[in-house]
Amino acid sequence: MRVRFFPLILSLAFMVCASLAVAHGDKKHVIGTVEKMGADSVTVKIADGSSVEVKLVAETVYVQRAGTVDKPAKLADLAVGDRVVIHATPKGETLEAAEVRFSVPGATAAPVSKPQS
């Protein structure tokens, strides 16, 4: 009886993994530090040292990380130096931000205590 269910379980596991792989659809992730801000775009310095410009649109959602809690935010809360993860949709040669998640530098760092002498 167990042997008959193994192929079924294996195929279900494969389908779940495949659906997770395409969960983001055509979105691209831009992860880095805000280098420059404009009225309708943000430039992000990514890990390899290059910069990526992402267009901000009316539908862009902003989420700020405060400690361990995410809270709704607005463009005015975003600043140069903030760490960001942007979920963006490619539109030709440009990227349009669907969601901008960000945290202020040092906001997630744990306090450092000095050793007592």
PDB file of N, CA and C in Angstrom:
ATOM      1  N   MET A   1       0.816  -1.184   0.000  1.00  0.00           N
ATOM      2  CA  MET A   1       0.000   0.000   0.000  1.00  0.00           C
ATOM      3  C   MET A   1       0.866   1.257   0.000  1.00  0.00           C
ATOM      4  N   ARG A   2       1.928   1.271   0.814  1.00  0.00           N
ATOM      5  CA  ARG A   2       2.812   2.421   0.888  1.00  0.00           C
ATOM      6  C   ARG A   2       3.506   2.690  -0.440  1.00  0.00           C
ATOM      7  N   VAL A   3       3.915   1.647  -1.122  1.00  0.00           N
ATOM      8  CA  VAL A   3       4.637   1.788  -2.377  1.00  0.00           C
ATOM      9  C   VAL A   3       3.770   2.473  -3.429  1.00  0.00           C
ATOM     10  N   ARG A   4       2.471   2.259  -3.397  1.00  0.00           N
ATOM     11  CA  ARG A   4       1.569   2.844  -4.383  1.00  0.00           C
ATOM     12  C   ARG A   4       1.436   4.358  -4.180  1.00  0.00           C
ATOM     13  N   PHE A   5       1.560   4.820  -2.955  1.00  0.00           N
ATOM     14  CA  PHE A   5       1.402   6.247  -2.679  1.00  0.00           C
ATOM     15  C   PHE A   5       2.690   7.042  -2.883  1.00  0.00           C
ATOM     16  N   PHE A   6       3.826   6.382  -2.924  1.00  0.00           N
ATOM     17  CA  PHE A   6       5.093   7.084  -3.075  1.00  0.00           C
ATOM     18  C   PHE A   6       5.133   7.932  -4.352  1.00  0.00           C
ATOM     19  N   PRO A   7       4.775   7.398  -5.529  1.00  0.00           N
ATOM     20  CA  PRO A   7       4.789   8.247  -6.729  1.00  0.00           C
ATOM     21  C   PRO A   7       3.834   9.442  -6.619  1.00  0.00           C
ATOM     22  N   LEU A   8       2.703   9.256  -5.968  1.00  0.00           N
ATOM     23  CA  LEU A   8       1.751  10.345  -5.786  1.00  0.00           C
ATOM     24  C   LEU A   8       2.350  11.436  -4.895  1.00  0.00           C
ATOM     25  N   ILE A   9       2.960  11.033  -3.795  1.00  0.00           N
ATOM     26  CA  ILE A   9       3.577  11.990  -2.887  1.00  0.00           C
ATOM     27  C   ILE A   9       4.731  12.705  -3.577  1.00  0.00           C
ATOM     28  N   LEU A  10       5.515  11.981  -4.325  1.00  0.00           N
ATOM     29  CA  LEU A  10       6.640  12.572  -5.042  1.00  0.00           C
ATOM     30  C   LEU A  10       6.160  13.590  -6.068  1.00  0.00           C
ATOM     31  N   SER A  11       5.116  13.269  -6.799  1.00  0.00           N
ATOM     32  CA  SER A  11       4.608  14.214  -7.805  1.00  0.00           C
ATOM     33  C   SER A  11       3.985  15.439  -7.150  1.00  0.00           C
ATOM     34  N   LEU A  12       3.317  15.279  -6.006  1.00  0.00           N
ATOM     35  CA  LEU A  12       2.770  16.432  -5.285  1.00  0.00           C
ATOM     36  C   LEU A  12       3.879  17.335  -4.772  1.00  0.00           C
ATOM     37  N   ALA A  13       4.941  16.743  -4.262  1.00  0.00           N
ATOM     38  CA  ALA A  13       6.078  17.531  -3.788  1.00  0.00           C
ATOM     39  C   ALA A  13       6.700  18.313  -4.940  1.00  0.00           C
ATOM     40  N   PHE A  14       6.832  17.693  -6.088  1.00  0.00           N
ATOM     41  CA  PHE A  14       7.378  18.369  -7.259  1.00  0.00           C
ATOM     42  C   PHE A  14       6.493  19.540  -7.672  1.00  0.00           C
ATOM     43  N   MET A  15       5.175  19.367  -7.658  1.00  0.00           N
ATOM     44  CA  MET A  15       4.255  20.437  -8.052  1.00  0.00           C
ATOM     45  C   MET A  15       4.339  21.617  -7.077  1.00  0.00           C
ATOM     46  N   VAL A  16       4.472  21.331  -5.792  1.00  0.00           N
ATOM     47  CA  VAL A  16       4.589  22.402  -4.800  1.00  0.00           C
ATOM     48  C   VAL A  16       5.881  23.184  -5.031  1.00  0.00           C
ATOM     49  N   CYS A  17       6.979  22.489  -5.237  1.00  0.00           N
ATOM     50  CA  CYS A  17       8.259  23.169  -5.483  1.00  0.00           C
ATOM     51  C   CYS A  17       8.205  23.998  -6.758  1.00  0.00           C
ATOM     52  N   ALA A  18       7.601  23.479  -7.798  1.00  0.00           N
ATOM     53  CA  ALA A  18       7.493  24.213  -9.059  1.00  0.00           C
ATOM     54  C   ALA A  18       6.646  25.464  -8.893  1.00  0.00           C
ATOM     55  N   SER A  19       5.563  25.383  -8.128  1.00  0.00           N
ATOM     56  CA  SER A  19       4.713  26.562  -7.937  1.00  0.00           C
ATOM     57  C   SER A  19       5.425  27.622  -7.113  1.00  0.00           C
ATOM     58  N   LEU A  20       6.257  27.219  -6.153  1.00  0.00           N
ATOM     59  CA  LEU A  20       7.021  28.190  -5.375  1.00  0.00           C
ATOM     60  C   LEU A  20       8.076  28.876  -6.227  1.00  0.00           C
ATOM     61  N   ALA A  21       8.625  28.166  -7.179  1.00  0.00           N
ATOM     62  CA  ALA A  21       9.656  28.735  -8.039  1.00  0.00           C
ATOM     63  C   ALA A  21       9.115  29.842  -8.927  1.00  0.00           C
ATOM     64  N   VAL A  22       7.852  29.788  -9.286  1.00  0.00           N
ATOM     65  CA  VAL A  22       7.273  30.814 -10.154  1.00  0.00           C
ATOM     66  C   VAL A  22       6.375  31.771  -9.382  1.00  0.00           C
ATOM     67  N   ALA A  23       6.447  31.762  -8.076  1.00  0.00           N
ATOM     68  CA  ALA A  23       5.556  32.588  -7.254  1.00  0.00           C
ATOM     69  C   ALA A  23       5.735  34.071  -7.500  1.00  0.00           C
ATOM     70  N   HIS A  24       6.932  34.521  -7.828  1.00  0.00           N
ATOM     71  CA  HIS A  24       7.166  35.934  -8.058  1.00  0.00           C
ATOM     72  C   HIS A  24       6.889  36.348  -9.495  1.00  0.00           C
ATOM     73  N   GLY A  25       6.532  35.409 -10.346  1.00  0.00           N
ATOM     74  CA  GLY A  25       6.216  35.747 -11.728  1.00  0.00           C
ATOM     75  C   GLY A  25       7.395  36.401 -12.411  1.00  0.00           C
ATOM     76  N   ASP A  26       7.135  37.548 -13.026  1.00  0.00           N
ATOM     77  CA  ASP A  26       8.190  38.233 -13.776  1.00  0.00           C
ATOM     78  C   ASP A  26       8.883  39.316 -12.963  1.00  0.00           C
ATOM     79  N   LYS A  27       8.698  39.354 -11.664  1.00  0.00           N
ATOM     80  CA  LYS A  27       9.310  40.376 -10.808  1.00  0.00           C
ATOM     81  C   LYS A  27      10.818  40.157 -10.688  1.00  0.00           C
ATOM     82  N   LYS A  28      11.544  41.259 -10.607  1.00  0.00           N
ATOM     83  CA  LYS A  28      12.984  41.241 -10.361  1.00  0.00           C
ATOM     84  C   LYS A  28      13.216  41.818  -8.979  1.00  0.00           C
ATOM     85  N   HIS A  29      14.232  41.340  -8.289  1.00  0.00           N
ATOM     86  CA  HIS A  29      14.566  41.848  -6.968  1.00  0.00           C
ATOM     87  C   HIS A  29      15.801  42.733  -7.074  1.00  0.00           C
ATOM     88  N   VAL A  30      15.712  43.919  -6.516  1.00  0.00           N
ATOM     89  CA  VAL A  30      16.844  44.826  -6.448  1.00  0.00           C
ATOM     90  C   VAL A  30      17.132  45.014  -4.959  1.00  0.00           C
ATOM     91  N   ILE A  31      18.309  44.574  -4.529  1.00  0.00           N
ATOM     92  CA  ILE A  31      18.673  44.607  -3.111  1.00  0.00           C
ATOM     93  C   ILE A  31      19.947  45.424  -2.954  1.00  0.00           C
ATOM     94  N   GLY A  32      19.907  46.403  -2.073  1.00  0.00           N
ATOM     95  CA  GLY A  32      21.090  47.223  -1.852  1.00  0.00           C
ATOM     96  C   GLY A  32      20.794  48.431  -0.995  1.00  0.00           C
ATOM     97  N   THR A  33      21.544  49.506  -1.245  1.00  0.00           N
ATOM     98  CA  THR A  33      21.439  50.743  -0.476  1.00  0.00           C
ATOM     99  C   THR A  33      21.026  51.879  -1.391  1.00  0.00           C
ATOM    100  N   VAL A  34      20.094  52.719  -0.925  1.00  0.00           N
ATOM    101  CA  VAL A  34      19.651  53.858  -1.723  1.00  0.00           C
ATOM    102  C   VAL A  34      20.828  54.811  -1.892  1.00  0.00           C
ATOM    103  N   GLU A  35      21.171  55.051  -3.146  1.00  0.00           N
ATOM    104  CA  GLU A  35      22.313  55.899  -3.482  1.00  0.00           C
ATOM    105  C   GLU A  35      21.855  57.304  -3.871  1.00  0.00           C
ATOM    106  N   LYS A  36      20.703  57.368  -4.564  1.00  0.00           N
ATOM    107  CA  LYS A  36      20.196  58.650  -5.039  1.00  0.00           C
ATOM    108  C   LYS A  36      18.688  58.535  -5.196  1.00  0.00           C
ATOM    109  N   MET A  37      17.996  59.646  -4.900  1.00  0.00           N
ATOM    110  CA  MET A  37      16.541  59.665  -5.045  1.00  0.00           C
ATOM    111  C   MET A  37      16.139  60.813  -5.951  1.00  0.00           C
ATOM    112  N   GLY A  38      15.155  60.534  -6.805  1.00  0.00           N
ATOM    113  CA  GLY A  38      14.574  61.558  -7.650  1.00  0.00           C
ATOM    114  C   GLY A  38      13.084  61.617  -7.382  1.00  0.00           C
ATOM    115  N   ALA A  39      12.384  62.485  -8.095  1.00  0.00           N
ATOM    116  CA  ALA A  39      10.943  62.637  -7.896  1.00  0.00           C
ATOM    117  C   ALA A  39      10.187  61.364  -8.269  1.00  0.00           C
ATOM    118  N   ASP A  40      10.679  60.648  -9.275  1.00  0.00           N
ATOM    119  CA  ASP A  40       9.959  59.459  -9.738  1.00  0.00           C
ATOM    120  C   ASP A  40      10.843  58.236  -9.894  1.00  0.00           C
ATOM    121  N   SER A  41      12.016  58.251  -9.238  1.00  0.00           N
ATOM    122  CA  SER A  41      12.896  57.085  -9.325  1.00  0.00           C
ATOM    123  C   SER A  41      13.837  57.048  -8.131  1.00  0.00           C
ATOM    124  N   VAL A  42      14.427  55.887  -7.937  1.00  0.00           N
ATOM    125  CA  VAL A  42      15.420  55.692  -6.891  1.00  0.00           C
ATOM    126  C   VAL A  42      16.574  54.901  -7.515  1.00  0.00           C
ATOM    127  N   THR A  43      17.806  55.277  -7.163  1.00  0.00           N
ATOM    128  CA  THR A  43      18.983  54.557  -7.637  1.00  0.00           C
ATOM    129  C   THR A  43      19.554  53.774  -6.475  1.00  0.00           C
ATOM    130  N   VAL A  44      19.747  52.471  -6.710  1.00  0.00           N
ATOM    131  CA  VAL A  44      20.196  51.558  -5.657  1.00  0.00           C
ATOM    132  C   VAL A  44      21.576  51.028  -5.998  1.00  0.00           C
ATOM    133  N   LYS A  45      22.490  51.129  -5.034  1.00  0.00           N
ATOM    134  CA  LYS A  45      23.818  50.533  -5.194  1.00  0.00           C
ATOM    135  C   LYS A  45      23.713  49.095  -4.717  1.00  0.00           C
ATOM    136  N   ILE A  46      23.994  48.144  -5.625  1.00  0.00           N
ATOM    137  CA  ILE A  46      23.853  46.729  -5.301  1.00  0.00           C
ATOM    138  C   ILE A  46      25.201  46.128  -4.898  1.00  0.00           C
ATOM    139  N   ALA A  47      25.201  44.869  -4.505  1.00  0.00           N
ATOM    140  CA  ALA A  47      26.371  44.210  -3.926  1.00  0.00           C
ATOM    141  C   ALA A  47      27.618  44.247  -4.809  1.00  0.00           C
ATOM    142  N   ASP A  48      27.454  44.180  -6.119  1.00  0.00           N
ATOM    143  CA  ASP A  48      28.635  44.160  -6.989  1.00  0.00           C
ATOM    144  C   ASP A  48      29.211  45.553  -7.227  1.00  0.00           C
ATOM    145  N   GLY A  49      28.630  46.580  -6.593  1.00  0.00           N
ATOM    146  CA  GLY A  49      29.137  47.947  -6.720  1.00  0.00           C
ATOM    147  C   GLY A  49      28.488  48.757  -7.814  1.00  0.00           C
ATOM    148  N   SER A  50      27.704  48.111  -8.661  1.00  0.00           N
ATOM    149  CA  SER A  50      27.021  48.853  -9.719  1.00  0.00           C
ATOM    150  C   SER A  50      25.728  49.456  -9.177  1.00  0.00           C
ATOM    151  N   SER A  51      25.111  50.314  -9.981  1.00  0.00           N
ATOM    152  CA  SER A  51      23.876  50.986  -9.575  1.00  0.00           C
ATOM    153  C   SER A  51      22.742  50.604 -10.496  1.00  0.00           C
ATOM    154  N   VAL A  52      21.534  50.504  -9.918  1.00  0.00           N
ATOM    155  CA  VAL A  52      20.337  50.157 -10.667  1.00  0.00           C
ATOM    156  C   VAL A  52      19.294  51.228 -10.394  1.00  0.00           C
ATOM    157  N   GLU A  53      18.719  51.797 -11.451  1.00  0.00           N
ATOM    158  CA  GLU A  53      17.662  52.789 -11.297  1.00  0.00           C
ATOM    159  C   GLU A  53      16.309  52.098 -11.418  1.00  0.00           C
ATOM    160  N   VAL A  54      15.418  52.410 -10.480  1.00  0.00           N
ATOM    161  CA  VAL A  54      14.079  51.820 -10.471  1.00  0.00           C
ATOM    162  C   VAL A  54      13.070  52.963 -10.466  1.00  0.00           C
ATOM    163  N   LYS A  55      12.105  52.879 -11.372  1.00  0.00           N
ATOM    164  CA  LYS A  55      11.071  53.906 -11.468  1.00  0.00           C
ATOM    165  C   LYS A  55      10.022  53.687 -10.378  1.00  0.00           C
ATOM    166  N   LEU A  56       9.621  54.774  -9.726  1.00  0.00           N
ATOM    167  CA  LEU A  56       8.571  54.730  -8.718  1.00  0.00           C
ATOM    168  C   LEU A  56       7.275  55.198  -9.372  1.00  0.00           C
ATOM    169  N   VAL A  57       6.204  54.432  -9.191  1.00  0.00           N
ATOM    170  CA  VAL A  57       4.914  54.751  -9.815  1.00  0.00           C
ATOM    171  C   VAL A  57       3.856  54.947  -8.733  1.00  0.00           C
ATOM    172  N   ALA A  58       2.708  55.434  -9.121  1.00  0.00           N
ATOM    173  CA  ALA A  58       1.628  55.700  -8.158  1.00  0.00           C
ATOM    174  C   ALA A  58       1.223  54.448  -7.393  1.00  0.00           C
ATOM    175  N   GLU A  59       1.343  53.273  -8.017  1.00  0.00           N
ATOM    176  CA  GLU A  59       0.922  52.017  -7.392  1.00  0.00           C
ATOM    177  C   GLU A  59       1.989  51.409  -6.484  1.00  0.00           C
ATOM    178  N   THR A  60       3.184  52.009  -6.426  1.00  0.00           N
ATOM    179  CA  THR A  60       4.259  51.464  -5.600  1.00  0.00           C
ATOM    180  C   THR A  60       3.843  51.460  -4.130  1.00  0.00           C
ATOM    181  N   VAL A  61       4.066  50.315  -3.470  1.00  0.00           N
ATOM    182  CA  VAL A  61       3.759  50.157  -2.044  1.00  0.00           C
ATOM    183  C   VAL A  61       5.075  50.253  -1.280  1.00  0.00           C
ATOM    184  N   TYR A  62       5.057  51.002  -0.164  1.00  0.00           N
ATOM    185  CA  TYR A  62       6.245  51.188   0.660  1.00  0.00           C
ATOM    186  C   TYR A  62       6.027  50.526   2.016  1.00  0.00           C
ATOM    187  N   VAL A  63       7.054  49.779   2.469  1.00  0.00           N
ATOM    188  CA  VAL A  63       6.984  49.087   3.760  1.00  0.00           C
ATOM    189  C   VAL A  63       8.292  49.358   4.486  1.00  0.00           C
ATOM    190  N   GLN A  64       8.203  49.890   5.711  1.00  0.00           N
ATOM    191  CA  GLN A  64       9.388  50.180   6.504  1.00  0.00           C
ATOM    192  C   GLN A  64       9.542  49.159   7.615  1.00  0.00           C
ATOM    193  N   ARG A  65      10.750  48.662   7.767  1.00  0.00           N
ATOM    194  CA  ARG A  65      11.072  47.708   8.836  1.00  0.00           C
ATOM    195  C   ARG A  65      11.529  48.496  10.047  1.00  0.00           C
ATOM    196  N   ALA A  66      10.827  48.341  11.149  1.00  0.00           N
ATOM    197  CA  ALA A  66      11.184  49.004  12.400  1.00  0.00           C
ATOM    198  C   ALA A  66      11.453  47.925  13.434  1.00  0.00           C
ATOM    199  N   GLY A  67      12.718  47.649  13.696  1.00  0.00           N
ATOM    200  CA  GLY A  67      13.085  46.543  14.582  1.00  0.00           C
ATOM    201  C   GLY A  67      12.740  45.229  13.915  1.00  0.00           C
ATOM    202  N   THR A  68      11.740  44.539  14.450  1.00  0.00           N
ATOM    203  CA  THR A  68      11.309  43.269  13.851  1.00  0.00           C
ATOM    204  C   THR A  68       9.902  43.376  13.273  1.00  0.00           C
ATOM    205  N   VAL A  69       9.407  44.606  13.144  1.00  0.00           N
ATOM    206  CA  VAL A  69       8.037  44.812  12.683  1.00  0.00           C
ATOM    207  C   VAL A  69       8.032  45.594  11.374  1.00  0.00           C
ATOM    208  N   ASP A  70       7.217  45.148  10.424  1.00  0.00           N
ATOM    209  CA  ASP A  70       7.014  45.876   9.182  1.00  0.00           C
ATOM    210  C   ASP A  70       5.805  46.776   9.345  1.00  0.00           C
ATOM    211  N   LYS A  71       5.914  48.020   8.879  1.00  0.00           N
ATOM    212  CA  LYS A  71       4.784  48.935   8.968  1.00  0.00           C
ATOM    213  C   LYS A  71       4.633  49.686   7.651  1.00  0.00           C
ATOM    214  N   PRO A  72       3.410  50.062   7.306  1.00  0.00           N
ATOM    215  CA  PRO A  72       3.186  50.819   6.072  1.00  0.00           C
ATOM    216  C   PRO A  72       3.963  52.131   6.116  1.00  0.00           C
ATOM    217  N   ALA A  73       4.456  52.540   4.966  1.00  0.00           N
ATOM    218  CA  ALA A  73       5.227  53.772   4.884  1.00  0.00           C
ATOM    219  C   ALA A  73       4.855  54.520   3.616  1.00  0.00           C
ATOM    220  N   LYS A  74       5.545  55.623   3.375  1.00  0.00           N
ATOM    221  CA  LYS A  74       5.341  56.400   2.152  1.00  0.00           C
ATOM    222  C   LYS A  74       6.699  56.801   1.602  1.00  0.00           C
ATOM    223  N   LEU A  75       6.709  57.303   0.383  1.00  0.00           N
ATOM    224  CA  LEU A  75       7.959  57.680  -0.273  1.00  0.00           C
ATOM    225  C   LEU A  75       8.762  58.653   0.583  1.00  0.00           C
ATOM    226  N   ALA A  76       8.110  59.590   1.248  1.00  0.00           N
ATOM    227  CA  ALA A  76       8.806  60.593   2.066  1.00  0.00           C
ATOM    228  C   ALA A  76       9.606  59.956   3.201  1.00  0.00           C
ATOM    229  N   ASP A  77       9.275  58.732   3.608  1.00  0.00           N
ATOM    230  CA  ASP A  77       9.999  58.037   4.675  1.00  0.00           C
ATOM    231  C   ASP A  77      11.316  57.437   4.187  1.00  0.00           C
ATOM    232  N   LEU A  78      11.443  57.250   2.885  1.00  0.00           N
ATOM    233  CA  LEU A  78      12.633  56.645   2.289  1.00  0.00           C
ATOM    234  C   LEU A  78      13.720  57.702   2.144  1.00  0.00           C
ATOM    235  N   ALA A  79      14.979  57.340   2.439  1.00  0.00           N
ATOM    236  CA  ALA A  79      16.081  58.305   2.369  1.00  0.00           C
ATOM    237  C   ALA A  79      17.343  57.648   1.819  1.00  0.00           C
ATOM    238  N   VAL A  80      18.240  58.480   1.316  1.00  0.00           N
ATOM    239  CA  VAL A  80      19.542  58.007   0.860  1.00  0.00           C
ATOM    240  C   VAL A  80      20.230  57.315   2.033  1.00  0.00           C
ATOM    241  N   GLY A  81      20.818  56.150   1.790  1.00  0.00           N
ATOM    242  CA  GLY A  81      21.497  55.369   2.820  1.00  0.00           C
ATOM    243  C   GLY A  81      20.656  54.238   3.377  1.00  0.00           C
ATOM    244  N   ASP A  82      19.332  54.269   3.131  1.00  0.00           N
ATOM    245  CA  ASP A  82      18.464  53.186   3.609  1.00  0.00           C
ATOM    246  C   ASP A  82      18.752  51.904   2.835  1.00  0.00           C
ATOM    247  N   ARG A  83      18.655  50.767   3.531  1.00  0.00           N
ATOM    248  CA  ARG A  83      18.763  49.452   2.878  1.00  0.00           C
ATOM    249  C   ARG A  83      17.406  49.128   2.280  1.00  0.00           C
ATOM    250  N   VAL A  84      17.379  48.634   1.035  1.00  0.00           N
ATOM    251  CA  VAL A  84      16.115  48.349   0.364  1.00  0.00           C
ATOM    252  C   VAL A  84      16.106  46.977  -0.290  1.00  0.00           C
ATOM    253  N   VAL A  85      14.895  46.442  -0.379  1.00  0.00           N
ATOM    254  CA  VAL A  85      14.599  45.288  -1.216  1.00  0.00           C
ATOM    255  C   VAL A  85      13.418  45.743  -2.055  1.00  0.00           C
ATOM    256  N   ILE A  86      13.632  45.828  -3.359  1.00  0.00           N
ATOM    257  CA  ILE A  86      12.588  46.316  -4.255  1.00  0.00           C
ATOM    258  C   ILE A  86      12.135  45.178  -5.161  1.00  0.00           C
ATOM    259  N   HIS A  87      10.828  44.940  -5.183  1.00  0.00           N
ATOM    260  CA  HIS A  87      10.231  43.991  -6.112  1.00  0.00           C
ATOM    261  C   HIS A  87       9.772  44.828  -7.295  1.00  0.00           C
ATOM    262  N   ALA A  88      10.397  44.617  -8.454  1.00  0.00           N
ATOM    263  CA  ALA A  88      10.140  45.467  -9.606  1.00  0.00           C
ATOM    264  C   ALA A  88       9.717  44.651 -10.819  1.00  0.00           C
ATOM    265  N   THR A  89       8.891  45.286 -11.650  1.00  0.00           N
ATOM    266  CA  THR A  89       8.426  44.671 -12.885  1.00  0.00           C
ATOM    267  C   THR A  89       9.190  45.270 -14.054  1.00  0.00           C
ATOM    268  N   PRO A  90       9.820  44.439 -14.890  1.00  0.00           N
ATOM    269  CA  PRO A  90      10.499  44.970 -16.068  1.00  0.00           C
ATOM    270  C   PRO A  90       9.480  45.532 -17.062  1.00  0.00           C
ATOM    271  N   LYS A  91       9.721  46.741 -17.520  1.00  0.00           N
ATOM    272  CA  LYS A  91       8.899  47.397 -18.552  1.00  0.00           C
ATOM    273  C   LYS A  91       9.865  47.888 -19.621  1.00  0.00           C
ATOM    274  N   GLY A  92      10.113  47.051 -20.600  1.00  0.00           N
ATOM    275  CA  GLY A  92      11.114  47.395 -21.608  1.00  0.00           C
ATOM    276  C   GLY A  92      12.490  47.424 -20.966  1.00  0.00           C
ATOM    277  N   GLU A  93      13.174  48.558 -21.072  1.00  0.00           N
ATOM    278  CA  GLU A  93      14.512  48.721 -20.504  1.00  0.00           C
ATOM    279  C   GLU A  93      14.485  49.233 -19.067  1.00  0.00           C
ATOM    280  N   THR A  94      13.302  49.545 -18.534  1.00  0.00           N
ATOM    281  CA  THR A  94      13.215  50.103 -17.186  1.00  0.00           C
ATOM    282  C   THR A  94      12.607  49.097 -16.217  1.00  0.00           C
ATOM    283  N   LEU A  95      12.782  49.373 -14.940  1.00  0.00           N
ATOM    284  CA  LEU A  95      12.167  48.578 -13.883  1.00  0.00           C
ATOM    285  C   LEU A  95      11.187  49.482 -13.146  1.00  0.00           C
ATOM    286  N   GLU A  96       9.949  48.997 -12.939  1.00  0.00           N
ATOM    287  CA  GLU A  96       8.944  49.738 -12.184  1.00  0.00           C
ATOM    288  C   GLU A  96       8.740  49.054 -10.839  1.00  0.00           C
ATOM    289  N   ALA A  97       8.858  49.818  -9.764  1.00  0.00           N
ATOM    290  CA  ALA A  97       8.741  49.265  -8.415  1.00  0.00           C
ATOM    291  C   ALA A  97       7.292  48.934  -8.086  1.00  0.00           C
ATOM    292  N   ALA A  98       7.043  47.687  -7.727  1.00  0.00           N
ATOM    293  CA  ALA A  98       5.737  47.285  -7.214  1.00  0.00           C
ATOM    294  C   ALA A  98       5.737  47.450  -5.699  1.00  0.00           C
ATOM    295  N   GLU A  99       6.861  47.081  -5.059  1.00  0.00           N
ATOM    296  CA  GLU A  99       6.986  47.192  -3.607  1.00  0.00           C
ATOM    297  C   GLU A  99       8.409  47.583  -3.243  1.00  0.00           C
ATOM    298  N   VAL A 100       8.522  48.530  -2.320  1.00  0.00           N
ATOM    299  CA  VAL A 100       9.816  48.946  -1.793  1.00  0.00           C
ATOM    300  C   VAL A 100       9.806  48.667  -0.293  1.00  0.00           C
ATOM    301  N   ARG A 101      10.631  47.721   0.134  1.00  0.00           N
ATOM    302  CA  ARG A 101      10.784  47.418   1.565  1.00  0.00           C
ATOM    303  C   ARG A 101      12.119  48.013   1.979  1.00  0.00           C
ATOM    304  N   PHE A 102      12.115  48.749   3.096  1.00  0.00           N
ATOM    305  CA  PHE A 102      13.358  49.407   3.488  1.00  0.00           C
ATOM    306  C   PHE A 102      13.510  49.481   4.995  1.00  0.00           C
ATOM    307  N   SER A 103      14.764  49.688   5.420  1.00  0.00           N
ATOM    308  CA  SER A 103      15.062  49.916   6.827  1.00  0.00           C
ATOM    309  C   SER A 103      16.140  50.977   6.904  1.00  0.00           C
ATOM    310  N   VAL A 104      16.080  51.748   7.973  1.00  0.00           N
ATOM    311  CA  VAL A 104      17.050  52.804   8.227  1.00  0.00           C
ATOM    312  C   VAL A 104      18.358  52.139   8.661  1.00  0.00           C
ATOM    313  N   PRO A 105      19.515  52.659   8.226  1.00  0.00           N
ATOM    314  CA  PRO A 105      20.786  52.038   8.625  1.00  0.00           C
ATOM    315  C   PRO A 105      20.888  51.916  10.142  1.00  0.00           C
ATOM    316  N   GLY A 106      21.264  50.737  10.604  1.00  0.00           N
ATOM    317  CA  GLY A 106      21.440  50.502  12.037  1.00  0.00           C
ATOM    318  C   GLY A 106      20.152  50.224  12.783  1.00  0.00           C
ATOM    319  N   ALA A 107      19.003  50.312  12.125  1.00  0.00           N
ATOM    320  CA  ALA A 107      17.724  50.123  12.810  1.00  0.00           C
ATOM    321  C   ALA A 107      17.518  48.693  13.261  1.00  0.00           C
ATOM    322  N   THR A 108      18.101  47.726  12.546  1.00  0.00           N
ATOM    323  CA  THR A 108      17.894  46.327  12.904  1.00  0.00           C
ATOM    324  C   THR A 108      19.058  45.757  13.705  1.00  0.00           C
ATOM    325  N   ALA A 109      20.089  46.568  13.930  1.00  0.00           N
ATOM    326  CA  ALA A 109      21.250  46.072  14.678  1.00  0.00           C
ATOM    327  C   ALA A 109      20.931  45.973  16.160  1.00  0.00           C
ATOM    328  N   ALA A 110      21.430  44.937  16.775  1.00  0.00           N
ATOM    329  CA  ALA A 110      21.234  44.753  18.216  1.00  0.00           C
ATOM    330  C   ALA A 110      22.174  45.692  18.963  1.00  0.00           C
ATOM    331  N   PRO A 111      21.743  46.222  20.103  1.00  0.00           N
ATOM    332  CA  PRO A 111      22.632  47.099  20.867  1.00  0.00           C
ATOM    333  C   PRO A 111      23.872  46.341  21.331  1.00  0.00           C
ATOM    334  N   VAL A 112      24.988  47.033  21.313  1.00  0.00           N
ATOM    335  CA  VAL A 112      26.257  46.423  21.720  1.00  0.00           C
ATOM    336  C   VAL A 112      26.538  46.867  23.140  1.00  0.00           C
ATOM    337  N   SER A 113      26.814  45.911  24.019  1.00  0.00           N
ATOM    338  CA  SER A 113      27.142  46.279  25.401  1.00  0.00           C
ATOM    339  C   SER A 113      28.631  46.211  25.599  1.00  0.00           C
ATOM    340  N   LYS A 114      29.123  47.145  26.408  1.00  0.00           N
ATOM    341  CA  LYS A 114      30.554  47.184  26.700  1.00  0.00           C
ATOM    342  C   LYS A 114      30.852  46.162  27.794  1.00  0.00           C
ATOM    343  N   PRO A 115      31.987  45.475  27.666  1.00  0.00           N
ATOM    344  CA  PRO A 115      32.362  44.551  28.735  1.00  0.00           C
ATOM    345  C   PRO A 115      32.720  45.336  29.998  1.00  0.00           C
ATOM    346  N   GLN A 116      32.325  44.820  31.129  1.00  0.00           N
ATOM    347  CA  GLN A 116      32.616  45.445  32.414  1.00  0.00           C
ATOM    348  C   GLN A 116      34.033  45.056  32.834  1.00  0.00           C
ATOM    349  N   SER A 117      34.781  46.028  33.347  1.00  0.00           N
ATOM    350  CA  SER A 117      36.124  45.695  33.813  1.00  0.00           C
ATOM    351  C   SER A 117      36.214  45.629  35.295  1.00  0.00           C
TER     352      SER A 117
END
